[in-house]
PDB file of N, CA and C in Angstrom:
ATOM      1  N   MET A   1     106.314  72.875  91.191  1.00  0.00           N
ATOM      2  CA  MET A   1     105.171  72.935  90.096  1.00  0.00           C
ATOM      3  C   MET A   1     104.646  73.841  90.524  1.00  0.00           C
ATOM      4  N   GLY A   2     103.742  74.573  90.183  1.00  0.00           N
ATOM      5  CA  GLY A   2     102.459  75.441  90.238  1.00  0.00           C
ATOM      6  C   GLY A   2     101.895  75.459  89.542  1.00  0.00           C
ATOM      7  N   VAL A   3     100.319  75.954  89.195  1.00  0.00           N
ATOM      8  CA  VAL A   3      99.586  76.244  88.237  1.00  0.00           C
ATOM      9  C   VAL A   3      98.926  77.521  89.103  1.00  0.00           C
ATOM     10  N   PHE A   4      98.772  77.779  87.178  1.00  0.00           N
ATOM     11  CA  PHE A   4      98.287  79.021  87.536  1.00  0.00           C
ATOM     12  C   PHE A   4      97.089  79.231  86.843  1.00  0.00           C
ATOM     13  N   PRO A   5      96.257  80.531  87.206  1.00  0.00           N
ATOM     14  CA  PRO A   5      95.656  81.067  86.068  1.00  0.00           C
ATOM     15  C   PRO A   5      95.771  81.520  85.180  1.00  0.00           C
ATOM     16  N   ASP A   6      94.730  81.420  83.749  1.00  0.00           N
ATOM     17  CA  ASP A   6      95.429  82.247  82.508  1.00  0.00           C
ATOM     18  C   ASP A   6      94.314  82.949  82.257  1.00  0.00           C
ATOM     19  N   PHE A   7      94.614  84.304  83.004  1.00  0.00           N
ATOM     20  CA  PHE A   7      93.060  85.798  83.324  1.00  0.00           C
ATOM     21  C   PHE A   7      93.200  85.887  81.384  1.00  0.00           C
ATOM     22  N   ASP A   8      94.231  85.921  80.790  1.00  0.00           N
ATOM     23  CA  ASP A   8      94.324  86.719  79.192  1.00  0.00           C
ATOM     24  C   ASP A   8      93.664  85.843  78.081  1.00  0.00           C
ATOM     25  N   GLY A   9      93.396  84.030  78.659  1.00  0.00           N
ATOM     26  CA  GLY A   9      92.658  83.662  77.928  1.00  0.00           C
ATOM     27  C   GLY A   9      91.203  83.252  77.972  1.00  0.00           C
ATOM     28  N   LEU A  10      90.665  84.668  78.693  1.00  0.00           N
ATOM     29  CA  LEU A  10      89.054  84.442  78.595  1.00  0.00           C
ATOM     30  C   LEU A  10      88.839  85.843  78.129  1.00  0.00           C
ATOM     31  N   GLY A  11      87.759  85.693  77.333  1.00  0.00           N
ATOM     32  CA  GLY A  11      87.024  86.877  75.745  1.00  0.00           C
ATOM     33  C   GLY A  11      86.551  87.561  76.873  1.00  0.00           C
ATOM     34  N   GLY A  12      87.277  89.203  76.526  1.00  0.00           N
ATOM     35  CA  GLY A  12      86.045  89.751  76.413  1.00  0.00           C
ATOM     36  C   GLY A  12      87.217  90.302  78.490  1.00  0.00           C
ATOM     37  N   ILE A  13      87.621  90.016  79.138  1.00  0.00           N
ATOM     38  CA  ILE A  13      88.487  89.965  80.218  1.00  0.00           C
ATOM     39  C   ILE A  13      89.051  91.905  80.399  1.00  0.00           C
ATOM     40  N   GLY A  14      89.390  92.304  79.050  1.00  0.00           N
ATOM     41  CA  GLY A  14      89.541  93.729  79.489  1.00  0.00           C
ATOM     42  C   GLY A  14      88.224  94.527  79.558  1.00  0.00           C
ATOM     43  N   ASP A  15      87.562  94.376  79.225  1.00  0.00           N
ATOM     44  CA  ASP A  15      86.183  94.995  80.072  1.00  0.00           C
ATOM     45  C   ASP A  15      85.607  94.390  80.922  1.00  0.00           C
ATOM     46  N   LEU A  16      85.105  93.495  81.138  1.00  0.00           N
ATOM     47  CA  LEU A  16      85.485  93.128  82.397  1.00  0.00           C
ATOM     48  C   LEU A  16      86.035  93.345  83.508  1.00  0.00           C
ATOM     49  N   ARG A  17      87.284  94.289  83.331  1.00  0.00           N
ATOM     50  CA  ARG A  17      88.665  94.736  84.286  1.00  0.00           C
ATOM     51  C   ARG A  17      87.311  96.270  84.330  1.00  0.00           C
ATOM     52  N   ALA A  18      87.752  96.940  83.468  1.00  0.00           N
ATOM     53  CA  ALA A  18      86.900  98.303  83.523  1.00  0.00           C
ATOM     54  C   ALA A  18      85.555  98.306  84.137  1.00  0.00           C
ATOM     55  N   ILE A  19      84.842  97.431  84.016  1.00  0.00           N
ATOM     56  CA  ILE A  19      83.538  97.461  84.420  1.00  0.00           C
ATOM     57  C   ILE A  19      83.804  97.176  86.138  1.00  0.00           C
ATOM     58  N   VAL A  20      84.660  96.683  86.416  1.00  0.00           N
ATOM     59  CA  VAL A  20      85.081  96.430  88.001  1.00  0.00           C
ATOM     60  C   VAL A  20      85.743  97.687  88.546  1.00  0.00           C
ATOM     61  N   GLY A  21      86.401  97.610  87.755  1.00  0.00           N
ATOM     62  CA  GLY A  21      86.898  99.112  87.814  1.00  0.00           C
ATOM     63  C   GLY A  21      85.589 100.668  88.362  1.00  0.00           C
ATOM     64  N   ALA A  22      85.134 100.311  87.635  1.00  0.00           N
ATOM     65  CA  ALA A  22      84.135 101.424  87.557  1.00  0.00           C
ATOM     66  C   ALA A  22      83.189 101.057  88.499  1.00  0.00           C
ATOM     67  N   LEU A  23      83.020 100.106  88.941  1.00  0.00           N
ATOM     68  CA  LEU A  23      82.087  99.080  90.414  1.00  0.00           C
ATOM     69  C   LEU A  23      82.963  99.940  91.274  1.00  0.00           C
ATOM     70  N   LEU A  24      84.215  99.889  91.138  1.00  0.00           N
ATOM     71  CA  LEU A  24      85.235  99.953  92.281  1.00  0.00           C
ATOM     72  C   LEU A  24      84.776 101.420  92.851  1.00  0.00           C
ATOM     73  N   THR A  25      85.065 102.480  91.412  1.00  0.00           N
ATOM     74  CA  THR A  25      85.009 104.170  91.523  1.00  0.00           C
ATOM     75  C   THR A  25      83.982 104.106  92.275  1.00  0.00           C
ATOM     76  N   PHE A  26      82.755 104.235  91.607  1.00  0.00           N
ATOM     77  CA  PHE A  26      81.912 104.259  92.706  1.00  0.00           C
ATOM     78  C   PHE A  26      81.230 103.392  94.118  1.00  0.00           C
ATOM     79  N   VAL A  27      81.405 102.706  94.205  1.00  0.00           N
ATOM     80  CA  VAL A  27      81.803 102.244  96.070  1.00  0.00           C
ATOM     81  C   VAL A  27      82.303 103.238  96.584  1.00  0.00           C
ATOM     82  N   LEU A  28      83.366 103.617  95.655  1.00  0.00           N
ATOM     83  CA  LEU A  28      84.612 104.249  96.761  1.00  0.00           C
ATOM     84  C   LEU A  28      83.717 105.827  97.247  1.00  0.00           C
ATOM     85  N   ILE A  29      83.476 106.335  96.001  1.00  0.00           N
ATOM     86  CA  ILE A  29      82.221 107.828  95.944  1.00  0.00           C
ATOM     87  C   ILE A  29      81.575 107.434  97.131  1.00  0.00           C
ATOM     88  N   VAL A  30      80.744 106.505  96.879  1.00  0.00           N
ATOM     89  CA  VAL A  30      79.447 106.316  98.075  1.00  0.00           C
ATOM     90  C   VAL A  30      79.237 106.836  99.144  1.00  0.00           C
ATOM     91  N   ALA A  31      80.914 105.598  99.331  1.00  0.00           N
ATOM     92  CA  ALA A  31      81.412 105.060 101.054  1.00  0.00           C
ATOM     93  C   ALA A  31      81.552 106.295 101.599  1.00  0.00           C
ATOM     94  N   VAL A  32      82.370 107.439 100.551  1.00  0.00           N
ATOM     95  CA  VAL A  32      82.803 109.168 100.917  1.00  0.00           C
ATOM     96  C   VAL A  32      81.716 109.271 101.626  1.00  0.00           C
ATOM     97  N   LEU A  33      80.723 109.495 100.603  1.00  0.00           N
ATOM     98  CA  LEU A  33      79.290 110.296 101.132  1.00  0.00           C
ATOM     99  C   LEU A  33      79.068 110.205 102.265  1.00  0.00           C
ATOM    100  N   VAL A  34      78.394 108.895 102.172  1.00  0.00           N
ATOM    101  CA  VAL A  34      77.661 107.632 103.041  1.00  0.00           C
ATOM    102  C   VAL A  34      78.357 108.047 104.626  1.00  0.00           C
ATOM    103  N   LEU A  35      79.804 108.538 104.592  1.00  0.00           N
ATOM    104  CA  LEU A  35      80.783 108.575 105.877  1.00  0.00           C
ATOM    105  C   LEU A  35      80.992 110.143 106.508  1.00  0.00           C
ATOM    106  N   ILE A  36      80.616 110.823 105.297  1.00  0.00           N
ATOM    107  CA  ILE A  36      79.888 112.640 105.679  1.00  0.00           C
ATOM    108  C   ILE A  36      78.598 112.336 106.144  1.00  0.00           C
ATOM    109  N   VAL A  37      77.955 112.115 105.742  1.00  0.00           N
ATOM    110  CA  VAL A  37      76.520 111.712 106.486  1.00  0.00           C
ATOM    111  C   VAL A  37      76.137 111.263 107.843  1.00  0.00           C
ATOM    112  N   SER A  38      76.920 110.152 107.149  1.00  0.00           N
ATOM    113  CA  SER A  38      77.213 109.089 109.149  1.00  0.00           C
ATOM    114  C   SER A  38      77.327 110.208 110.299  1.00  0.00           C
ATOM    115  N   ALA A  39      78.920 110.384 110.055  1.00  0.00           N
ATOM    116  CA  ALA A  39      79.567 111.578 111.270  1.00  0.00           C
ATOM    117  C   ALA A  39      78.533 113.310 111.414  1.00  0.00           C
ATOM    118  N   ILE A  40      77.537 113.543 110.325  1.00  0.00           N
ATOM    119  CA  ILE A  40      77.684 114.222 110.992  1.00  0.00           C
ATOM    120  C   ILE A  40      76.244 114.454 111.414  1.00  0.00           C
ATOM    121  N   VAL A  41      75.185 113.044 111.228  1.00  0.00           N
ATOM    122  CA  VAL A  41      74.393 112.696 112.245  1.00  0.00           C
ATOM    123  C   VAL A  41      74.822 112.000 113.439  1.00  0.00           C
ATOM    124  N   TRP A  42      76.230 111.811 113.657  1.00  0.00           N
ATOM    125  CA  TRP A  42      76.866 111.362 114.896  1.00  0.00           C
ATOM    126  C   TRP A  42      77.126 112.530 115.676  1.00  0.00           C
ATOM    127  N   ALA A  43      77.591 113.043 114.959  1.00  0.00           N
ATOM    128  CA  ALA A  43      77.164 114.734 115.531  1.00  0.00           C
ATOM    129  C   ALA A  43      76.349 115.222 115.882  1.00  0.00           C
ATOM    130  N   ILE A  44      75.225 115.774 115.363  1.00  0.00           N
ATOM    131  CA  ILE A  44      73.956 116.672 115.990  1.00  0.00           C
ATOM    132  C   ILE A  44      73.098 115.581 116.923  1.00  0.00           C
ATOM    133  N   ALA A  45      72.952 114.293 116.432  1.00  0.00           N
ATOM    134  CA  ALA A  45      72.497 113.543 117.496  1.00  0.00           C
ATOM    135  C   ALA A  45      73.377 113.059 119.198  1.00  0.00           C
ATOM    136  N   THR A  46      74.699 113.688 119.526  1.00  0.00           N
ATOM    137  CA  THR A  46      75.207 113.458 120.245  1.00  0.00           C
ATOM    138  C   THR A  46      75.158 114.355 121.233  1.00  0.00           C
ATOM    139  N   ALA A  47      74.980 115.662 119.705  1.00  0.00           N
ATOM    140  CA  ALA A  47      75.108 117.394 120.688  1.00  0.00           C
ATOM    141  C   ALA A  47      74.177 117.651 120.992  1.00  0.00           C
ATOM    142  N   HIS A  48      73.017 117.055 120.600  1.00  0.00           N
ATOM    143  CA  HIS A  48      71.436 117.216 121.399  1.00  0.00           C
ATOM    144  C   HIS A  48      71.160 115.682 122.463  1.00  0.00           C
ATOM    145  N   GLY A  49      71.969 114.695 122.549  1.00  0.00           N
ATOM    146  CA  GLY A  49      71.484 114.099 123.970  1.00  0.00           C
ATOM    147  C   GLY A  49      70.723 112.669 123.046  1.00  0.00           C
ATOM    148  N   ASN A  50      71.012 112.698 121.733  1.00  0.00           N
ATOM    149  CA  ASN A  50      70.217 111.539 121.329  1.00  0.00           C
ATOM    150  C   ASN A  50      70.691 110.296 120.886  1.00  0.00           C
ATOM    151  N   TYR A  51      70.823 109.935 121.807  1.00  0.00           N
ATOM    152  CA  TYR A  51      72.232 108.523 121.572  1.00  0.00           C
ATOM    153  C   TYR A  51      72.103 108.156 120.934  1.00  0.00           C
ATOM    154  N   ALA A  52      70.698 107.154 120.999  1.00  0.00           N
ATOM    155  CA  ALA A  52      70.350 106.043 120.282  1.00  0.00           C
ATOM    156  C   ALA A  52      70.587 106.194 118.291  1.00  0.00           C
ATOM    157  N   THR A  53      70.034 107.146 117.911  1.00  0.00           N
ATOM    158  CA  THR A  53      70.557 108.114 116.563  1.00  0.00           C
ATOM    159  C   THR A  53      72.282 108.153 116.910  1.00  0.00           C
ATOM    160  N   ALA A  54      73.265 108.616 117.326  1.00  0.00           N
ATOM    161  CA  ALA A  54      74.239 109.098 117.658  1.00  0.00           C
ATOM    162  C   ALA A  54      74.743 107.270 117.549  1.00  0.00           C
ATOM    163  N   GLY A  55      74.327 106.443 118.059  1.00  0.00           N
ATOM    164  CA  GLY A  55      75.124 104.726 117.452  1.00  0.00           C
ATOM    165  C   GLY A  55      74.854 104.672 116.392  1.00  0.00           C
ATOM    166  N   LYS A  56      74.148 105.472 115.759  1.00  0.00           N
ATOM    167  CA  LYS A  56      73.310 104.663 114.120  1.00  0.00           C
ATOM    168  C   LYS A  56      74.596 104.874 113.636  1.00  0.00           C
ATOM    169  N   GLY A  57      74.616 106.700 113.798  1.00  0.00           N
ATOM    170  CA  GLY A  57      75.681 107.076 113.183  1.00  0.00           C
ATOM    171  C   GLY A  57      77.053 106.837 113.275  1.00  0.00           C
ATOM    172  N   GLN A  58      76.825 106.710 115.136  1.00  0.00           N
ATOM    173  CA  GLN A  58      78.782 105.774 114.644  1.00  0.00           C
ATOM    174  C   GLN A  58      78.977 104.573 114.035  1.00  0.00           C
ATOM    175  N   THR A  59      77.921 103.940 114.290  1.00  0.00           N
ATOM    176  CA  THR A  59      78.232 102.485 112.914  1.00  0.00           C
ATOM    177  C   THR A  59      77.423 102.543 112.083  1.00  0.00           C
ATOM    178  N   GLY A  60      77.813 104.277 111.068  1.00  0.00           N
ATOM    179  CA  GLY A  60      77.580 103.877 109.325  1.00  0.00           C
ATOM    180  C   GLY A  60      78.744 104.321 108.946  1.00  0.00           C
ATOM    181  N   VAL A  61      79.513 105.105 110.174  1.00  0.00           N
ATOM    182  CA  VAL A  61      80.896 106.097 109.907  1.00  0.00           C
ATOM    183  C   VAL A  61      81.805 104.935 109.616  1.00  0.00           C
ATOM    184  N   LEU A  62      81.401 103.730 110.740  1.00  0.00           N
ATOM    185  CA  LEU A  62      82.114 102.623 110.646  1.00  0.00           C
ATOM    186  C   LEU A  62      82.551 101.918 109.814  1.00  0.00           C
ATOM    187  N   VAL A  63      81.056 101.167 109.231  1.00  0.00           N
ATOM    188  CA  VAL A  63      80.740 100.585 107.766  1.00  0.00           C
ATOM    189  C   VAL A  63      80.908 101.601 106.708  1.00  0.00           C
ATOM    190  N   SER A  64      80.978 102.899 106.533  1.00  0.00           N
ATOM    191  CA  SER A  64      81.078 103.459 105.381  1.00  0.00           C
ATOM    192  C   SER A  64      82.705 103.376 105.495  1.00  0.00           C
ATOM    193  N   LEU A  65      83.392 103.596 106.947  1.00  0.00           N
ATOM    194  CA  LEU A  65      85.159 103.632 106.154  1.00  0.00           C
ATOM    195  C   LEU A  65      85.448 102.264 105.945  1.00  0.00           C
ATOM    196  N   GLY A  66      85.110 101.117 106.103  1.00  0.00           N
ATOM    197  CA  GLY A  66      85.174  99.889 106.061  1.00  0.00           C
ATOM    198  C   GLY A  66      85.453  99.559 104.209  1.00  0.00           C
ATOM    199  N   ALA A  67      84.187 100.378 103.900  1.00  0.00           N
ATOM    200  CA  ALA A  67      84.004  99.990 102.654  1.00  0.00           C
ATOM    201  C   ALA A  67      84.927 100.496 101.910  1.00  0.00           C
ATOM    202  N   ALA A  68      85.524 102.097 102.520  1.00  0.00           N
ATOM    203  CA  ALA A  68      85.727 102.544 101.674  1.00  0.00           C
ATOM    204  C   ALA A  68      87.645 102.415 101.504  1.00  0.00           C
ATOM    205  N   VAL A  69      88.301 101.911 102.601  1.00  0.00           N
ATOM    206  CA  VAL A  69      89.497 101.733 102.186  1.00  0.00           C
ATOM    207  C   VAL A  69      89.625  99.981 101.976  1.00  0.00           C
ATOM    208  N   GLY A  70      88.247  99.079 101.490  1.00  0.00           N
ATOM    209  CA  GLY A  70      88.600  97.909 101.194  1.00  0.00           C
ATOM    210  C   GLY A  70      88.608  98.078  99.709  1.00  0.00           C
ATOM    211  N   SER A  71      87.426  99.608  99.474  1.00  0.00           N
ATOM    212  CA  SER A  71      88.224  99.872  97.432  1.00  0.00           C
ATOM    213  C   SER A  71      89.311 100.145  97.310  1.00  0.00           C
ATOM    214  N   VAL A  72      89.900 101.207  98.428  1.00  0.00           N
ATOM    215  CA  VAL A  72      90.872 101.623  98.315  1.00  0.00           C
ATOM    216  C   VAL A  72      92.120 100.752  97.221  1.00  0.00           C
ATOM    217  N   GLY A  73      91.809  99.924  99.064  1.00  0.00           N
ATOM    218  CA  GLY A  73      92.470  98.538  99.037  1.00  0.00           C
ATOM    219  C   GLY A  73      92.528  98.049  97.615  1.00  0.00           C
ATOM    220  N   LYS A  74      91.379  97.456  97.281  1.00  0.00           N
ATOM    221  CA  LYS A  74      91.626  96.802  95.856  1.00  0.00           C
ATOM    222  C   LYS A  74      92.356  97.381  95.073  1.00  0.00           C
ATOM    223  N   PHE A  75      92.072  98.875  94.687  1.00  0.00           N
ATOM    224  CA  PHE A  75      92.553  99.914  94.477  1.00  0.00           C
ATOM    225  C   PHE A  75      93.811  99.576  93.020  1.00  0.00           C
ATOM    226  N   VAL A  76      94.753  99.599  94.931  1.00  0.00           N
ATOM    227  CA  VAL A  76      96.173  99.889  94.956  1.00  0.00           C
ATOM    228  C   VAL A  76      96.740  98.276  95.296  1.00  0.00           C
ATOM    229  N   CYS A  77      96.226  97.334  95.663  1.00  0.00           N
ATOM    230  CA  CYS A  77      96.623  95.749  94.923  1.00  0.00           C
ATOM    231  C   CYS A  77      96.552  95.854  93.292  1.00  0.00           C
ATOM    232  N   GLU A  78      95.109  96.491  92.638  1.00  0.00           N
ATOM    233  CA  GLU A  78      95.421  96.384  91.356  1.00  0.00           C
ATOM    234  C   GLU A  78      96.561  96.945  90.510  1.00  0.00           C
ATOM    235  N   GLY A  79      96.218  98.237  90.658  1.00  0.00           N
ATOM    236  CA  GLY A  79      97.453  98.905  90.640  1.00  0.00           C
ATOM    237  C   GLY A  79      99.145  98.361  90.686  1.00  0.00           C
ATOM    238  N   PHE A  80      99.397  97.821  92.003  1.00  0.00           N
ATOM    239  CA  PHE A  80     100.584  96.813  91.981  1.00  0.00           C
ATOM    240  C   PHE A  80     100.856  95.155  91.290  1.00  0.00           C
ATOM    241  N   GLY A  81      99.594  95.225  90.540  1.00  0.00           N
ATOM    242  CA  GLY A  81      99.755  93.985  89.674  1.00  0.00           C
ATOM    243  C   GLY A  81      98.829  92.973  90.803  1.00  0.00           C
ATOM    244  N   VAL A  82      98.962  92.925  92.084  1.00  0.00           N
ATOM    245  CA  VAL A  82      98.859  92.239  92.581  1.00  0.00           C
ATOM    246  C   VAL A  82      97.777  90.662  92.077  1.00  0.00           C
ATOM    247  N   ILE A  83      96.195  91.235  91.928  1.00  0.00           N
ATOM    248  CA  ILE A  83      95.284  91.378  91.904  1.00  0.00           C
ATOM    249  C   ILE A  83      94.939  90.592  90.158  1.00  0.00           C
ATOM    250  N   GLY A  84      94.588  89.608  90.352  1.00  0.00           N
ATOM    251  CA  GLY A  84      94.329  89.240  88.572  1.00  0.00           C
ATOM    252  C   GLY A  84      95.339  89.456  87.779  1.00  0.00           C
ATOM    253  N   SER A  85      97.286  88.979  88.176  1.00  0.00           N
ATOM    254  CA  SER A  85      98.100  88.447  87.385  1.00  0.00           C
ATOM    255  C   SER A  85      98.415  87.370  87.467  1.00  0.00           C
ATOM    256  N   ALA A  86      98.756  86.259  86.459  1.00  0.00           N
ATOM    257  CA  ALA A  86      99.456  85.459  86.478  1.00  0.00           C
ATOM    258  C   ALA A  86     100.613  85.222  86.543  1.00  0.00           C
ATOM    259  N   SER A  87     101.378  86.215  86.760  1.00  0.00           N
ATOM    260  CA  SER A  87     102.978  85.893  86.474  1.00  0.00           C
ATOM    261  C   SER A  87     102.963  86.378  88.332  1.00  0.00           C
ATOM    262  N   VAL A  88     102.517  86.554  89.345  1.00  0.00           N
ATOM    263  CA  VAL A  88     103.370  86.568  90.465  1.00  0.00           C
ATOM    264  C   VAL A  88     104.264  85.451  90.962  1.00  0.00           C
ATOM    265  N   GLY A  89     103.138  84.654  90.977  1.00  0.00           N
ATOM    266  CA  GLY A  89     104.135  83.234  91.196  1.00  0.00           C
ATOM    267  C   GLY A  89     105.159  82.492  90.776  1.00  0.00           C
ATOM    268  N   ARG A  90     105.225  83.476  89.654  1.00  0.00           N
ATOM    269  CA  ARG A  90     106.166  82.526  88.611  1.00  0.00           C
ATOM    270  C   ARG A  90     107.750  82.282  88.898  1.00  0.00           C
ATOM    271  N   GLU A  91     108.094  83.571  89.360  1.00  0.00           N
ATOM    272  CA  GLU A  91     109.180  83.567  90.200  1.00  0.00           C
ATOM    273  C   GLU A  91     109.210  82.355  90.759  1.00  0.00           C
ATOM    274  N   ASP A  92     109.015  81.831  91.963  1.00  0.00           N
ATOM    275  CA  ASP A  92     109.217  80.800  92.364  1.00  0.00           C
ATOM    276  C   ASP A  92     109.277  79.129  91.610  1.00  0.00           C
ATOM    277  N   GLU A  93     108.706  79.380  90.616  1.00  0.00           N
ATOM    278  CA  GLU A  93     108.725  78.241  89.554  1.00  0.00           C
ATOM    279  C   GLU A  93     109.889  78.396  89.349  1.00  0.00           C
ATOM    280  N   SER A  94     110.481  79.174  88.410  1.00  0.00           N
ATOM    281  CA  SER A  94     111.845  79.179  88.340  1.00  0.00           C
ATOM    282  C   SER A  94     113.181  79.152  88.880  1.00  0.00           C
ATOM    283  N   ARG A  95     112.594  79.481  90.277  1.00  0.00           N
ATOM    284  CA  ARG A  95     113.661  79.374  91.025  1.00  0.00           C
ATOM    285  C   ARG A  95     113.992  77.850  91.206  1.00  0.00           C
ATOM    286  N   HIS A  96     112.939  77.187  91.084  1.00  0.00           N
ATOM    287  CA  HIS A  96     112.782  75.641  91.738  1.00  0.00           C
ATOM    288  C   HIS A  96     113.107  74.703  90.963  1.00  0.00           C
ATOM    289  N   GLU A  97     114.139  75.351  89.613  1.00  0.00           N
ATOM    290  CA  GLU A  97     113.904  74.406  88.585  1.00  0.00           C
ATOM    291  C   GLU A  97     115.326  74.486  88.297  1.00  0.00           C
ATOM    292  N   HIS A  98     116.275  75.392  89.041  1.00  0.00           N
ATOM    293  CA  HIS A  98     117.681  75.592  89.138  1.00  0.00           C
ATOM    294  C   HIS A  98     118.464  74.190  89.811  1.00  0.00           C
TER     295      HIS A  98
END
């Protein structure tokens, strides 16, 4: 027995998915821009021997890389129908009925 949410039962779910998609696109763009700026800061600070600023640039690179990978992961999962799909677990339910 499986219980699965019915995402199509909510009104305006298409609009919500469009808004979330636009926000994920915005997050990806900002994350890439922050990645570029942080990498430049890291490189310049290291070249000039300012290791405190270089550490902050390194932290910025790692955080923005994580945000970029996370948002791309969401796009990939939604593209394959993993997120928000009520039919993912229904195959298991049909196998147990036989």
